[in-house]
Structure formats: structure tokens, C-alpha cells
Amino acid sequence: MVAVIHRCHTGPGLGYGMVCYCANPGMLSRGRGRSDYVPIRTRRGTVFQKGVVVMAENFHLGFMVHDLAHAIGGVDRGRRLVPDLYDFPAQSRPRQQFHIHDASTYMGPWDIMSQHFLEWRQTPPGFSLFSMIRLGYLRPDQVTLVQPGVTALVRLSALAAGGPMLGVKIPLSPERYLLVENRQQLKHDQVLPASGVMIYEVDESRREGWGQVKAMNADPGAPNFSRAPYGVEGQARLTWTDPRLNVAVVPISKEGADYLVLVTDARQARPGRRWPGTWRVCPKVRIMTSGALRSWNCSGADR
């Protein structure tokens, strides 16, 4: 249920302050850090126990989509399945003026659950692979599993466009894993500040608002994750490597809106490394390459 409060105009420092919020599961149901669908009894005695979103009349579309995702996602064992991905401590910190990106310290605008919009007059950004999975918008066969230390070559379609393969999941522990996606500036992602391969570290043991999902940032010096993607189109960096996890993610080439991405162990991801000529990847996609991967640069792979 969506309730729009007629003639209610609010915002930070003005009136109530919250333009939009998810009441159920959310503000009505939170007690000691837990969420649930609280039963609501109407004046006529009807019991309603589903999602409720409350909005002021001056709401932005990004607020509505964000809070509807909470309501649609539901709860499991006291936790919202589609959580807030912004920084709760940063959001609650006193300040003279609040900017929409002040609390998006973990992943910037790469998920509407992190940042509701970029500019007031623009449409909001889309969901990341994490939220798309939680919302049930992807089939299981659209995300391939690659164990740490294993080498796989995956052709990723743009997340916003859809396709046979949209993501890679790399498990690290029962509650920790990496997600790899291809984000392009098209459809509902057209407002994103850049395009390329995004990598996220997910830790489901963390509380909501305390960094459950963190984006790896190809250019930490750029503001608000504006150059976070990795890629072969002039991005700040091509290769993401973590020796501790023994994982490397290397975007090799771009074909249309698709990205050819190599996932391998960190020791292999160094300049000049030569590779066998044939790779077989996820069940629905086969990519054959001949020759060698000569270097980690925009030249890509011999075919």
C-alpha cells in the first residue's frame, strides 16, 4: 500500500523532515533492531499485514522506488531482504545542510538503495546486482558461481538491459562473497556517472546501514564513486586484485554493451602473463579464445 499525504511538503529541516519512508516493514515494525510485517487493524476491523509506504506530496520518484523495494522485498528472520545500503551513522550526523550523497559512503549512486537520486530533476539510478537478486528479479542461471582461485571467462550483459548472464558470485565464507556486474549508461541506468565493471564485497553478518555491501572503487580520489567501475574504455583502472582473497577480476574487452570479464586467482593477474588458448565458461555462454592474453591493457585478448 502506498499512502501519499495530501498537501504535505517536507524535507530536511522543513516540517517532519522525511519525504518518504517504508512504514511496514520499517518504522512500524522495528524493535531492538528487528523488522517484521506488523498487522494493522483498520477502523472496519480488517487486518492488513503487508507493505506500507508513506510519502509527502513533494516526493521524488527515487524515494518511492527505494521504499517500495523495502516493502516488496519483505523480511526474513527479522531482517529486511532489501536493506538500506547507505551509511546510517553518516546519515544521522548533525550538519548545517544535508546533501543526498552525504550518506552514500559505501557505494555511491550504484544502487538506489544507497542513493535515491543524483539530481532532483533526473530519474533515479537502478538497482545493483545485490538488490536485483534480493528482489527476485534475476533467474538463478543468470548469475554464475566462481570459487576463489578458479579461472573463468564470463561474458556479462549490461545489468539494465538484461541478458543470459548478468553477474558473477565469488563465495568467500558462508556470509561473505563478491559480486561482479556490468553497468552501462542505458535504460534506468542512463543517469549513472560512468560505465564499466562494478565489483562489490557483501558481508551479510553486518547490520543494515553498516556496510553490508561495499563497492570496490577504481578511482577513490573521484567524488562519490563517480569513477568506480573497472574497464577498458579509459577507466581509472583495468584490474581489481585482492591477494588476501586470492581473487582478481579483469575486464578484457567490450563488445557492444557486453563485457568479457576474466575472473582468476590474484597470483595470475600480473602483466605479461600468458594464458592457455581455450576457456569454457558458464553453462549458457561459451567463449573460445586462441593465442594468449598478452598484457593487462586495452588490447584485450587474441582471438
C-alpha atoms as a PDB file:
ATOM      1  CA  MET A   1       0.000   0.000   0.000  1.00  0.00           C
ATOM      2  CA  VAL A   2       1.250   3.497  -0.895  1.00  0.00           C
ATOM      3  CA  ALA A   3      -0.110   6.472   1.059  1.00  0.00           C
ATOM      4  CA  VAL A   4       0.553   9.993  -0.255  1.00  0.00           C
ATOM      5  CA  ILE A   5      -0.154  12.673   2.353  1.00  0.00           C
ATOM      6  CA  HIS A   6      -2.085  15.420   0.563  1.00  0.00           C
ATOM      7  CA  ARG A   7      -0.660  18.953   0.882  1.00  0.00           C
ATOM      8  CA  CYS A   8       2.255  17.693   2.943  1.00  0.00           C
ATOM      9  CA  HIS A   9       5.541  19.252   1.791  1.00  0.00           C
ATOM     10  CA  THR A  10       8.564  18.389   3.873  1.00  0.00           C
ATOM     11  CA  GLY A  11      12.295  17.788   3.689  1.00  0.00           C
ATOM     12  CA  PRO A  12      15.482  18.074   5.755  1.00  0.00           C
ATOM     13  CA  GLY A  13      14.960  20.954   8.172  1.00  0.00           C
ATOM     14  CA  LEU A  14      11.391  21.539   6.991  1.00  0.00           C
ATOM     15  CA  GLY A  15       8.432  20.150   8.925  1.00  0.00           C
ATOM     16  CA  TYR A  16       8.619  16.436   9.699  1.00  0.00           C
ATOM     17  CA  GLY A  17      11.740  16.102   7.593  1.00  0.00           C
ATOM     18  CA  MET A  18      11.195  12.731   5.917  1.00  0.00           C
ATOM     19  CA  VAL A  19       9.805  12.957   2.393  1.00  0.00           C
ATOM     20  CA  CYS A  20       9.154   9.227   2.158  1.00  0.00           C
ATOM     21  CA  TYR A  21       9.580   6.169   4.345  1.00  0.00           C
ATOM     22  CA  CYS A  22       8.732   2.496   4.437  1.00  0.00           C
ATOM     23  CA  ALA A  23       6.426   2.023   7.406  1.00  0.00           C
ATOM     24  CA  ASN A  24       5.958  -1.734   7.086  1.00  0.00           C
ATOM     25  CA  PRO A  25       8.406  -3.451   7.246  1.00  0.00           C
ATOM     26  CA  GLY A  26      10.208  -0.475   8.708  1.00  0.00           C
ATOM     27  CA  MET A  27       9.285   2.216  11.173  1.00  0.00           C
ATOM     28  CA  LEU A  28       6.172   0.438  12.438  1.00  0.00           C
ATOM     29  CA  SER A  29       7.925  -2.862  12.894  1.00  0.00           C
ATOM     30  CA  ARG A  30      11.356  -2.088  14.218  1.00  0.00           C
ATOM     31  CA  GLY A  31      12.040  -3.089  17.766  1.00  0.00           C
ATOM     32  CA  ARG A  32      15.530  -3.756  19.059  1.00  0.00           C
ATOM     33  CA  GLY A  33      16.893  -3.805  15.527  1.00  0.00           C
ATOM     34  CA  ARG A  34      14.398  -6.291  14.112  1.00  0.00           C
ATOM     35  CA  SER A  35      11.906  -5.868  11.269  1.00  0.00           C
ATOM     36  CA  ASP A  36       8.612  -7.579  10.586  1.00  0.00           C
ATOM     37  CA  TYR A  37       5.295  -7.107   8.826  1.00  0.00           C
ATOM     38  CA  VAL A  38       3.240  -5.688  11.693  1.00  0.00           C
ATOM     39  CA  PRO A  39      -0.531  -6.374  11.477  1.00  0.00           C
ATOM     40  CA  ILE A  40      -2.533  -3.151  11.086  1.00  0.00           C
ATOM     41  CA  ARG A  41      -6.215  -3.158  12.047  1.00  0.00           C
ATOM     42  CA  THR A  42      -8.405  -0.696  10.150  1.00  0.00           C
ATOM     43  CA  ARG A  43     -11.436   1.096  11.572  1.00  0.00           C
ATOM     44  CA  ARG A  44     -13.662  -1.521   9.967  1.00  0.00           C
ATOM     45  CA  GLY A  45     -11.752  -4.315  11.658  1.00  0.00           C
ATOM     46  CA  THR A  46      -9.830  -5.517   8.610  1.00  0.00           C
ATOM     47  CA  VAL A  47      -6.302  -6.718   9.360  1.00  0.00           C
ATOM     48  CA  PHE A  48      -3.660  -5.606   6.855  1.00  0.00           C
ATOM     49  CA  GLN A  49      -0.216  -7.206   7.180  1.00  0.00           C
ATOM     50  CA  LYS A  50       1.682  -6.211   4.062  1.00  0.00           C
ATOM     51  CA  GLY A  51       3.978  -3.459   2.840  1.00  0.00           C
ATOM     52  CA  VAL A  52       3.143   0.167   3.603  1.00  0.00           C
ATOM     53  CA  VAL A  53       4.951   3.195   2.135  1.00  0.00           C
ATOM     54  CA  VAL A  54       4.142   6.738   3.317  1.00  0.00           C
ATOM     55  CA  MET A  55       5.110   9.760   1.205  1.00  0.00           C
ATOM     56  CA  ALA A  56       4.785  13.521   1.350  1.00  0.00           C
ATOM     57  CA  GLU A  57       3.252  15.177  -1.699  1.00  0.00           C
ATOM     58  CA  ASN A  58       6.630  16.525  -2.814  1.00  0.00           C
ATOM     59  CA  PHE A  59       8.265  13.098  -3.033  1.00  0.00           C
ATOM     60  CA  HIS A  60      10.901  12.288  -5.663  1.00  0.00           C
ATOM     61  CA  LEU A  61      10.454   9.122  -7.744  1.00  0.00           C
ATOM     62  CA  GLY A  62      13.692   7.823  -6.254  1.00  0.00           C
ATOM     63  CA  PHE A  63      12.202   7.920  -2.746  1.00  0.00           C
ATOM     64  CA  MET A  64       9.157   5.953  -3.850  1.00  0.00           C
ATOM     65  CA  VAL A  65      11.131   3.258  -5.684  1.00  0.00           C
ATOM     66  CA  HIS A  66      13.580   2.942  -2.786  1.00  0.00           C
ATOM     67  CA  ASP A  67      10.887   2.429  -0.169  1.00  0.00           C
ATOM     68  CA  LEU A  68       8.703   0.242  -2.374  1.00  0.00           C
ATOM     69  CA  ALA A  69      11.708  -2.071  -2.701  1.00  0.00           C
ATOM     70  CA  HIS A  70      11.746  -2.446   1.095  1.00  0.00           C
ATOM     71  CA  ALA A  71       8.048  -3.296   1.070  1.00  0.00           C
ATOM     72  CA  ILE A  72       8.252  -5.709  -1.871  1.00  0.00           C
ATOM     73  CA  GLY A  73      11.382  -7.447  -0.592  1.00  0.00           C
ATOM     74  CA  GLY A  74       9.827  -8.339   2.743  1.00  0.00           C
ATOM     75  CA  VAL A  75      11.595  -9.751   5.784  1.00  0.00           C
ATOM     76  CA  ASP A  76      13.412 -12.907   6.792  1.00  0.00           C
ATOM     77  CA  ARG A  77      14.359 -13.739  10.377  1.00  0.00           C
ATOM     78  CA  GLY A  78      13.862 -10.156  11.468  1.00  0.00           C
ATOM     79  CA  ARG A  79      15.871  -8.540   8.666  1.00  0.00           C
ATOM     80  CA  ARG A  80      14.679  -6.692   5.585  1.00  0.00           C
ATOM     81  CA  LEU A  81      15.667  -8.647   2.487  1.00  0.00           C
ATOM     82  CA  VAL A  82      16.182  -5.416   0.531  1.00  0.00           C
ATOM     83  CA  PRO A  83      18.059  -3.312   3.093  1.00  0.00           C
ATOM     84  CA  ASP A  84      19.197   0.288   3.077  1.00  0.00           C
ATOM     85  CA  LEU A  85      22.707   0.380   1.630  1.00  0.00           C
ATOM     86  CA  TYR A  86      23.601   3.892   2.759  1.00  0.00           C
ATOM     87  CA  ASP A  87      25.611   4.751   5.874  1.00  0.00           C
ATOM     88  CA  PHE A  88      23.335   5.072   8.931  1.00  0.00           C
ATOM     89  CA  PRO A  89      25.921   6.883  11.136  1.00  0.00           C
ATOM     90  CA  ALA A  90      26.710   9.336   8.313  1.00  0.00           C
ATOM     91  CA  GLN A  91      23.017   9.972   7.713  1.00  0.00           C
ATOM     92  CA  SER A  92      22.343  10.808  11.367  1.00  0.00           C
ATOM     93  CA  ARG A  93      25.402  13.038  11.815  1.00  0.00           C
ATOM     94  CA  PRO A  94      24.378  16.673  12.570  1.00  0.00           C
ATOM     95  CA  ARG A  95      25.139  19.110   9.744  1.00  0.00           C
ATOM     96  CA  GLN A  96      24.095  22.547   8.570  1.00  0.00           C
ATOM     97  CA  GLN A  97      22.979  21.293   5.167  1.00  0.00           C
ATOM     98  CA  PHE A  98      22.221  17.745   4.039  1.00  0.00           C
ATOM     99  CA  HIS A  99      23.152  16.558   0.542  1.00  0.00           C
ATOM    100  CA  ILE A 100      21.698  13.388  -0.951  1.00  0.00           C
ATOM    101  CA  HIS A 101      25.160  11.829  -1.362  1.00  0.00           C
ATOM    102  CA  ASP A 102      26.350  12.550   2.196  1.00  0.00           C
ATOM    103  CA  ALA A 103      25.335   9.095   3.426  1.00  0.00           C
ATOM    104  CA  SER A 104      26.181   7.070   0.302  1.00  0.00           C
ATOM    105  CA  THR A 105      29.679   6.313   1.571  1.00  0.00           C
ATOM    106  CA  TYR A 106      29.670   2.590   0.775  1.00  0.00           C
ATOM    107  CA  MET A 107      28.712   2.547  -2.913  1.00  0.00           C
ATOM    108  CA  GLY A 108      27.541   5.977  -4.045  1.00  0.00           C
ATOM    109  CA  PRO A 109      24.797   6.031  -6.700  1.00  0.00           C
ATOM    110  CA  TRP A 110      25.365   2.474  -7.934  1.00  0.00           C
ATOM    111  CA  ASP A 111      22.189   1.293  -6.214  1.00  0.00           C
ATOM    112  CA  ILE A 112      19.029   3.254  -5.499  1.00  0.00           C
ATOM    113  CA  MET A 113      19.099   1.652  -2.038  1.00  0.00           C
ATOM    114  CA  SER A 114      22.335   3.594  -1.440  1.00  0.00           C
ATOM    115  CA  GLN A 115      21.417   6.906  -3.064  1.00  0.00           C
ATOM    116  CA  HIS A 116      17.843   7.794  -4.034  1.00  0.00           C
ATOM    117  CA  PHE A 117      18.827  10.063  -6.932  1.00  0.00           C
ATOM    118  CA  LEU A 118      21.760  12.053  -8.318  1.00  0.00           C
ATOM    119  CA  GLU A 119      19.957  15.271  -9.268  1.00  0.00           C
ATOM    120  CA  TRP A 120      16.434  16.315  -8.261  1.00  0.00           C
ATOM    121  CA  ARG A 121      15.285  16.776 -11.866  1.00  0.00           C
ATOM    122  CA  GLN A 122      16.697  13.438 -13.021  1.00  0.00           C
ATOM    123  CA  THR A 123      15.272   9.945 -12.874  1.00  0.00           C
ATOM    124  CA  PRO A 124      16.802   7.748 -10.153  1.00  0.00           C
ATOM    125  CA  PRO A 125      19.542   5.160 -10.735  1.00  0.00           C
ATOM    126  CA  GLY A 126      18.758   1.466 -10.959  1.00  0.00           C
ATOM    127  CA  PHE A 127      19.446  -1.429  -8.605  1.00  0.00           C
ATOM    128  CA  SER A 128      22.789  -3.172  -8.251  1.00  0.00           C
ATOM    129  CA  LEU A 129      23.181  -6.911  -8.745  1.00  0.00           C
ATOM    130  CA  PHE A 130      22.802  -7.392  -4.978  1.00  0.00           C
ATOM    131  CA  SER A 131      19.371  -5.764  -4.789  1.00  0.00           C
ATOM    132  CA  MET A 132      18.230  -7.339  -8.076  1.00  0.00           C
ATOM    133  CA  ILE A 133      18.931 -10.771  -6.596  1.00  0.00           C
ATOM    134  CA  ARG A 134      17.192  -9.909  -3.322  1.00  0.00           C
ATOM    135  CA  LEU A 135      14.108  -8.643  -5.186  1.00  0.00           C
ATOM    136  CA  GLY A 136      13.912 -11.869  -7.185  1.00  0.00           C
ATOM    137  CA  TYR A 137      14.343 -10.049 -10.497  1.00  0.00           C
ATOM    138  CA  LEU A 138      17.015 -12.473 -11.773  1.00  0.00           C
ATOM    139  CA  ARG A 139      16.877 -16.179 -12.532  1.00  0.00           C
ATOM    140  CA  PRO A 140      19.472 -18.361 -10.765  1.00  0.00           C
ATOM    141  CA  ASP A 141      21.098 -19.195 -14.113  1.00  0.00           C
ATOM    142  CA  GLN A 142      21.781 -15.501 -14.796  1.00  0.00           C
ATOM    143  CA  VAL A 143      24.461 -15.402 -12.065  1.00  0.00           C
ATOM    144  CA  THR A 144      27.387 -17.800 -12.341  1.00  0.00           C
ATOM    145  CA  LEU A 145      29.363 -19.067  -9.332  1.00  0.00           C
ATOM    146  CA  VAL A 146      33.174 -18.936  -9.441  1.00  0.00           C
ATOM    147  CA  GLN A 147      35.200 -20.223  -6.492  1.00  0.00           C
ATOM    148  CA  PRO A 148      38.254 -18.221  -5.329  1.00  0.00           C
ATOM    149  CA  GLY A 149      41.379 -19.366  -7.154  1.00  0.00           C
ATOM    150  CA  VAL A 150      39.410 -20.768 -10.097  1.00  0.00           C
ATOM    151  CA  THR A 151      39.753 -19.173 -13.520  1.00  0.00           C
ATOM    152  CA  ALA A 152      36.651 -18.419 -15.598  1.00  0.00           C
ATOM    153  CA  LEU A 153      35.908 -16.203 -18.553  1.00  0.00           C
ATOM    154  CA  VAL A 154      32.407 -14.724 -18.445  1.00  0.00           C
ATOM    155  CA  ARG A 155      30.501 -12.591 -20.924  1.00  0.00           C
ATOM    156  CA  LEU A 156      28.352 -10.198 -18.899  1.00  0.00           C
ATOM    157  CA  SER A 157      25.397  -8.387 -20.435  1.00  0.00           C
ATOM    158  CA  ALA A 158      24.557  -4.917 -19.155  1.00  0.00           C
ATOM    159  CA  LEU A 159      22.507  -5.278 -15.982  1.00  0.00           C
ATOM    160  CA  ALA A 160      19.933  -2.709 -17.078  1.00  0.00           C
ATOM    161  CA  ALA A 161      19.451  -4.337 -20.491  1.00  0.00           C
ATOM    162  CA  GLY A 162      19.131  -7.923 -19.316  1.00  0.00           C
ATOM    163  CA  GLY A 163      20.643 -10.964 -20.985  1.00  0.00           C
ATOM    164  CA  PRO A 164      21.616 -14.607 -20.479  1.00  0.00           C
ATOM    165  CA  MET A 165      24.398 -13.795 -17.979  1.00  0.00           C
ATOM    166  CA  LEU A 166      24.256 -10.752 -15.686  1.00  0.00           C
ATOM    167  CA  GLY A 167      26.583 -11.416 -12.780  1.00  0.00           C
ATOM    168  CA  VAL A 168      29.319 -13.396 -11.076  1.00  0.00           C
ATOM    169  CA  LYS A 169      29.255 -14.500  -7.452  1.00  0.00           C
ATOM    170  CA  ILE A 170      32.532 -15.423  -5.734  1.00  0.00           C
ATOM    171  CA  PRO A 171      31.907 -17.017  -2.296  1.00  0.00           C
ATOM    172  CA  LEU A 172      34.398 -16.176   0.455  1.00  0.00           C
ATOM    173  CA  SER A 173      32.626 -17.623   3.514  1.00  0.00           C
ATOM    174  CA  PRO A 174      29.046 -18.573   4.442  1.00  0.00           C
ATOM    175  CA  GLU A 175      28.147 -14.873   4.858  1.00  0.00           C
ATOM    176  CA  ARG A 176      30.712 -13.104   2.670  1.00  0.00           C
ATOM    177  CA  TYR A 177      31.020 -13.020  -1.098  1.00  0.00           C
ATOM    178  CA  LEU A 178      31.939 -10.830  -4.054  1.00  0.00           C
ATOM    179  CA  LEU A 179      29.545  -9.783  -6.801  1.00  0.00           C
ATOM    180  CA  VAL A 180      30.624  -8.677 -10.281  1.00  0.00           C
ATOM    181  CA  GLU A 181      28.301  -6.863 -12.697  1.00  0.00           C
ATOM    182  CA  ASN A 182      28.384  -4.834 -15.918  1.00  0.00           C
ATOM    183  CA  ARG A 183      26.760  -1.397 -15.656  1.00  0.00           C
ATOM    184  CA  GLN A 184      26.132   0.703 -18.752  1.00  0.00           C
ATOM    185  CA  GLN A 185      24.503   4.114 -19.128  1.00  0.00           C
ATOM    186  CA  LEU A 186      21.275   2.907 -20.706  1.00  0.00           C
ATOM    187  CA  LYS A 187      17.619   2.494 -19.719  1.00  0.00           C
ATOM    188  CA  HIS A 188      17.190   3.124 -15.976  1.00  0.00           C
ATOM    189  CA  ASP A 189      20.988   3.308 -15.556  1.00  0.00           C
ATOM    190  CA  GLN A 190      21.363   6.202 -18.006  1.00  0.00           C
ATOM    191  CA  VAL A 191      21.954   8.679 -15.157  1.00  0.00           C
ATOM    192  CA  LEU A 192      24.947   6.800 -13.725  1.00  0.00           C
ATOM    193  CA  PRO A 193      28.186   8.827 -13.696  1.00  0.00           C
ATOM    194  CA  ALA A 194      30.201   6.175 -15.575  1.00  0.00           C
ATOM    195  CA  SER A 195      30.034   2.701 -17.066  1.00  0.00           C
ATOM    196  CA  GLY A 196      32.071  -0.465 -16.736  1.00  0.00           C
ATOM    197  CA  VAL A 197      32.520  -3.458 -14.461  1.00  0.00           C
ATOM    198  CA  MET A 198      31.467  -2.973 -10.842  1.00  0.00           C
ATOM    199  CA  ILE A 199      32.676  -5.204  -8.007  1.00  0.00           C
ATOM    200  CA  TYR A 200      31.064  -5.395  -4.571  1.00  0.00           C
ATOM    201  CA  GLU A 201      32.050  -7.065  -1.323  1.00  0.00           C
ATOM    202  CA  VAL A 202      28.981  -8.327   0.535  1.00  0.00           C
ATOM    203  CA  ASP A 203      29.019  -9.219   4.234  1.00  0.00           C
ATOM    204  CA  GLU A 204      25.592 -10.370   5.387  1.00  0.00           C
ATOM    205  CA  SER A 205      26.745 -10.543   9.015  1.00  0.00           C
ATOM    206  CA  ARG A 206      26.827  -6.739   9.163  1.00  0.00           C
ATOM    207  CA  ARG A 207      23.788  -4.818  10.341  1.00  0.00           C
ATOM    208  CA  GLU A 208      21.709  -2.838   7.897  1.00  0.00           C
ATOM    209  CA  GLY A 209      23.258   0.580   7.377  1.00  0.00           C
ATOM    210  CA  TRP A 210      26.716  -0.533   8.487  1.00  0.00           C
ATOM    211  CA  GLY A 211      28.273  -1.587   5.188  1.00  0.00           C
ATOM    212  CA  GLN A 212      26.574  -4.811   4.164  1.00  0.00           C
ATOM    213  CA  VAL A 213      27.555  -4.024   0.562  1.00  0.00           C
ATOM    214  CA  LYS A 214      30.698  -2.074  -0.317  1.00  0.00           C
ATOM    215  CA  ALA A 215      31.765  -1.115  -3.834  1.00  0.00           C
ATOM    216  CA  MET A 216      35.364  -1.549  -4.902  1.00  0.00           C
ATOM    217  CA  ASN A 217      36.469   1.810  -6.275  1.00  0.00           C
ATOM    218  CA  ALA A 218      38.769   2.092  -9.297  1.00  0.00           C
ATOM    219  CA  ASP A 219      39.354   5.783  -8.526  1.00  0.00           C
ATOM    220  CA  PRO A 220      38.964   6.597  -4.800  1.00  0.00           C
ATOM    221  CA  GLY A 221      40.018  10.195  -5.487  1.00  0.00           C
ATOM    222  CA  ALA A 222      36.960  10.906  -7.623  1.00  0.00           C
ATOM    223  CA  PRO A 223      33.930  12.164  -5.653  1.00  0.00           C
ATOM    224  CA  ASN A 224      31.054   9.872  -4.706  1.00  0.00           C
ATOM    225  CA  PHE A 225      32.200   6.766  -6.622  1.00  0.00           C
ATOM    226  CA  SER A 226      31.875   8.696  -9.890  1.00  0.00           C
ATOM    227  CA  ARG A 227      34.728   6.712 -11.495  1.00  0.00           C
ATOM    228  CA  ALA A 228      34.287   3.472  -9.581  1.00  0.00           C
ATOM    229  CA  PRO A 229      33.938   0.994 -12.498  1.00  0.00           C
ATOM    230  CA  TYR A 230      36.818  -1.009 -13.927  1.00  0.00           C
ATOM    231  CA  GLY A 231      37.175  -1.475 -17.669  1.00  0.00           C
ATOM    232  CA  VAL A 232      38.939  -0.993 -20.988  1.00  0.00           C
ATOM    233  CA  GLU A 233      37.363   2.331 -22.025  1.00  0.00           C
ATOM    234  CA  GLY A 234      39.643   4.759 -20.233  1.00  0.00           C
ATOM    235  CA  GLN A 235      38.519   3.855 -16.714  1.00  0.00           C
ATOM    236  CA  ALA A 236      40.941   4.661 -13.910  1.00  0.00           C
ATOM    237  CA  ARG A 237      41.980   1.012 -13.549  1.00  0.00           C
ATOM    238  CA  LEU A 238      41.608  -2.177 -15.539  1.00  0.00           C
ATOM    239  CA  THR A 239      42.308  -4.881 -12.963  1.00  0.00           C
ATOM    240  CA  TRP A 240      40.944  -5.383  -9.459  1.00  0.00           C
ATOM    241  CA  THR A 241      43.126  -7.675  -7.358  1.00  0.00           C
ATOM    242  CA  ASP A 242      42.995  -8.771  -3.720  1.00  0.00           C
ATOM    243  CA  PRO A 243      45.902 -11.051  -2.719  1.00  0.00           C
ATOM    244  CA  ARG A 244      44.283 -11.749   0.673  1.00  0.00           C
ATOM    245  CA  LEU A 245      41.252 -13.270  -1.022  1.00  0.00           C
ATOM    246  CA  ASN A 246      43.315 -14.679  -3.911  1.00  0.00           C
ATOM    247  CA  VAL A 247      40.875 -13.153  -6.393  1.00  0.00           C
ATOM    248  CA  ALA A 248      41.396 -10.962  -9.443  1.00  0.00           C
ATOM    249  CA  VAL A 249      38.750  -9.532 -11.771  1.00  0.00           C
ATOM    250  CA  VAL A 250      39.971  -8.355 -15.173  1.00  0.00           C
ATOM    251  CA  PRO A 251      37.659  -6.790 -17.787  1.00  0.00           C
ATOM    252  CA  ILE A 252      39.300  -7.906 -21.031  1.00  0.00           C
ATOM    253  CA  SER A 253      37.202  -6.386 -23.784  1.00  0.00           C
ATOM    254  CA  LYS A 254      33.874  -4.754 -24.533  1.00  0.00           C
ATOM    255  CA  GLU A 255      31.603  -5.970 -27.317  1.00  0.00           C
ATOM    256  CA  GLY A 256      28.613  -3.701 -27.791  1.00  0.00           C
ATOM    257  CA  ALA A 257      27.172  -3.303 -24.304  1.00  0.00           C
ATOM    258  CA  ASP A 258      28.617  -6.649 -23.137  1.00  0.00           C
ATOM    259  CA  TYR A 259      31.860  -7.070 -21.202  1.00  0.00           C
ATOM    260  CA  LEU A 260      34.189 -10.039 -21.406  1.00  0.00           C
ATOM    261  CA  VAL A 261      35.471 -10.486 -17.843  1.00  0.00           C
ATOM    262  CA  LEU A 262      38.208 -12.784 -16.599  1.00  0.00           C
ATOM    263  CA  VAL A 263      37.941 -13.998 -13.001  1.00  0.00           C
ATOM    264  CA  THR A 264      41.094 -15.689 -11.762  1.00  0.00           C
ATOM    265  CA  ASP A 265      43.424 -16.037  -8.794  1.00  0.00           C
ATOM    266  CA  ALA A 266      45.372 -12.972  -7.750  1.00  0.00           C
ATOM    267  CA  ARG A 267      48.779 -14.503  -8.494  1.00  0.00           C
ATOM    268  CA  GLN A 268      47.900 -14.894 -12.168  1.00  0.00           C
ATOM    269  CA  ALA A 269      46.820 -11.280 -12.663  1.00  0.00           C
ATOM    270  CA  ARG A 270      50.108  -9.643 -13.498  1.00  0.00           C
ATOM    271  CA  PRO A 271      51.387  -8.012 -16.694  1.00  0.00           C
ATOM    272  CA  GLY A 272      52.736 -10.331 -19.344  1.00  0.00           C
ATOM    273  CA  ARG A 273      51.008 -13.433 -18.040  1.00  0.00           C
ATOM    274  CA  ARG A 274      50.215 -15.834 -20.879  1.00  0.00           C
ATOM    275  CA  TRP A 275      47.121 -17.992 -20.870  1.00  0.00           C
ATOM    276  CA  PRO A 276      46.023 -21.244 -22.486  1.00  0.00           C
ATOM    277  CA  GLY A 277      44.109 -20.794 -25.713  1.00  0.00           C
ATOM    278  CA  THR A 278      40.688 -22.120 -24.734  1.00  0.00           C
ATOM    279  CA  TRP A 279      38.282 -21.197 -21.955  1.00  0.00           C
ATOM    280  CA  ARG A 280      34.894 -22.666 -21.238  1.00  0.00           C
ATOM    281  CA  VAL A 281      32.657 -20.614 -19.026  1.00  0.00           C
ATOM    282  CA  CYS A 282      29.164 -20.674 -17.505  1.00  0.00           C
ATOM    283  CA  PRO A 283      26.635 -23.164 -18.920  1.00  0.00           C
ATOM    284  CA  LYS A 284      24.786 -20.821 -21.275  1.00  0.00           C
ATOM    285  CA  VAL A 285      27.822 -18.992 -22.639  1.00  0.00           C
ATOM    286  CA  ARG A 286      30.875 -20.418 -24.365  1.00  0.00           C
ATOM    287  CA  ILE A 287      33.703 -18.149 -25.371  1.00  0.00           C
ATOM    288  CA  MET A 288      36.687 -19.555 -27.226  1.00  0.00           C
ATOM    289  CA  THR A 289      39.898 -17.569 -27.395  1.00  0.00           C
ATOM    290  CA  SER A 290      43.062 -18.595 -29.162  1.00  0.00           C
ATOM    291  CA  GLY A 291      46.598 -17.468 -28.568  1.00  0.00           C
ATOM    292  CA  ALA A 292      47.451 -15.615 -25.383  1.00  0.00           C
ATOM    293  CA  LEU A 293      46.387 -12.727 -23.231  1.00  0.00           C
ATOM    294  CA  ARG A 294      49.427 -10.605 -23.893  1.00  0.00           C
ATOM    295  CA  SER A 295      49.064  -7.882 -21.296  1.00  0.00           C
ATOM    296  CA  TRP A 296      46.604  -6.195 -18.970  1.00  0.00           C
ATOM    297  CA  ASN A 297      45.698  -3.318 -21.223  1.00  0.00           C
ATOM    298  CA  CYS A 298      43.010  -2.264 -23.642  1.00  0.00           C
ATOM    299  CA  SER A 299      44.311  -4.546 -26.404  1.00  0.00           C
ATOM    300  CA  GLY A 300      42.339  -7.391 -24.844  1.00  0.00           C
ATOM    301  CA  ALA A 301      42.846 -10.982 -25.942  1.00  0.00           C
ATOM    302  CA  ASP A 302      43.932 -12.548 -29.192  1.00  0.00           C
ATOM    303  CA  ARG A 303      41.048 -14.446 -30.797  1.00  0.00           C
END
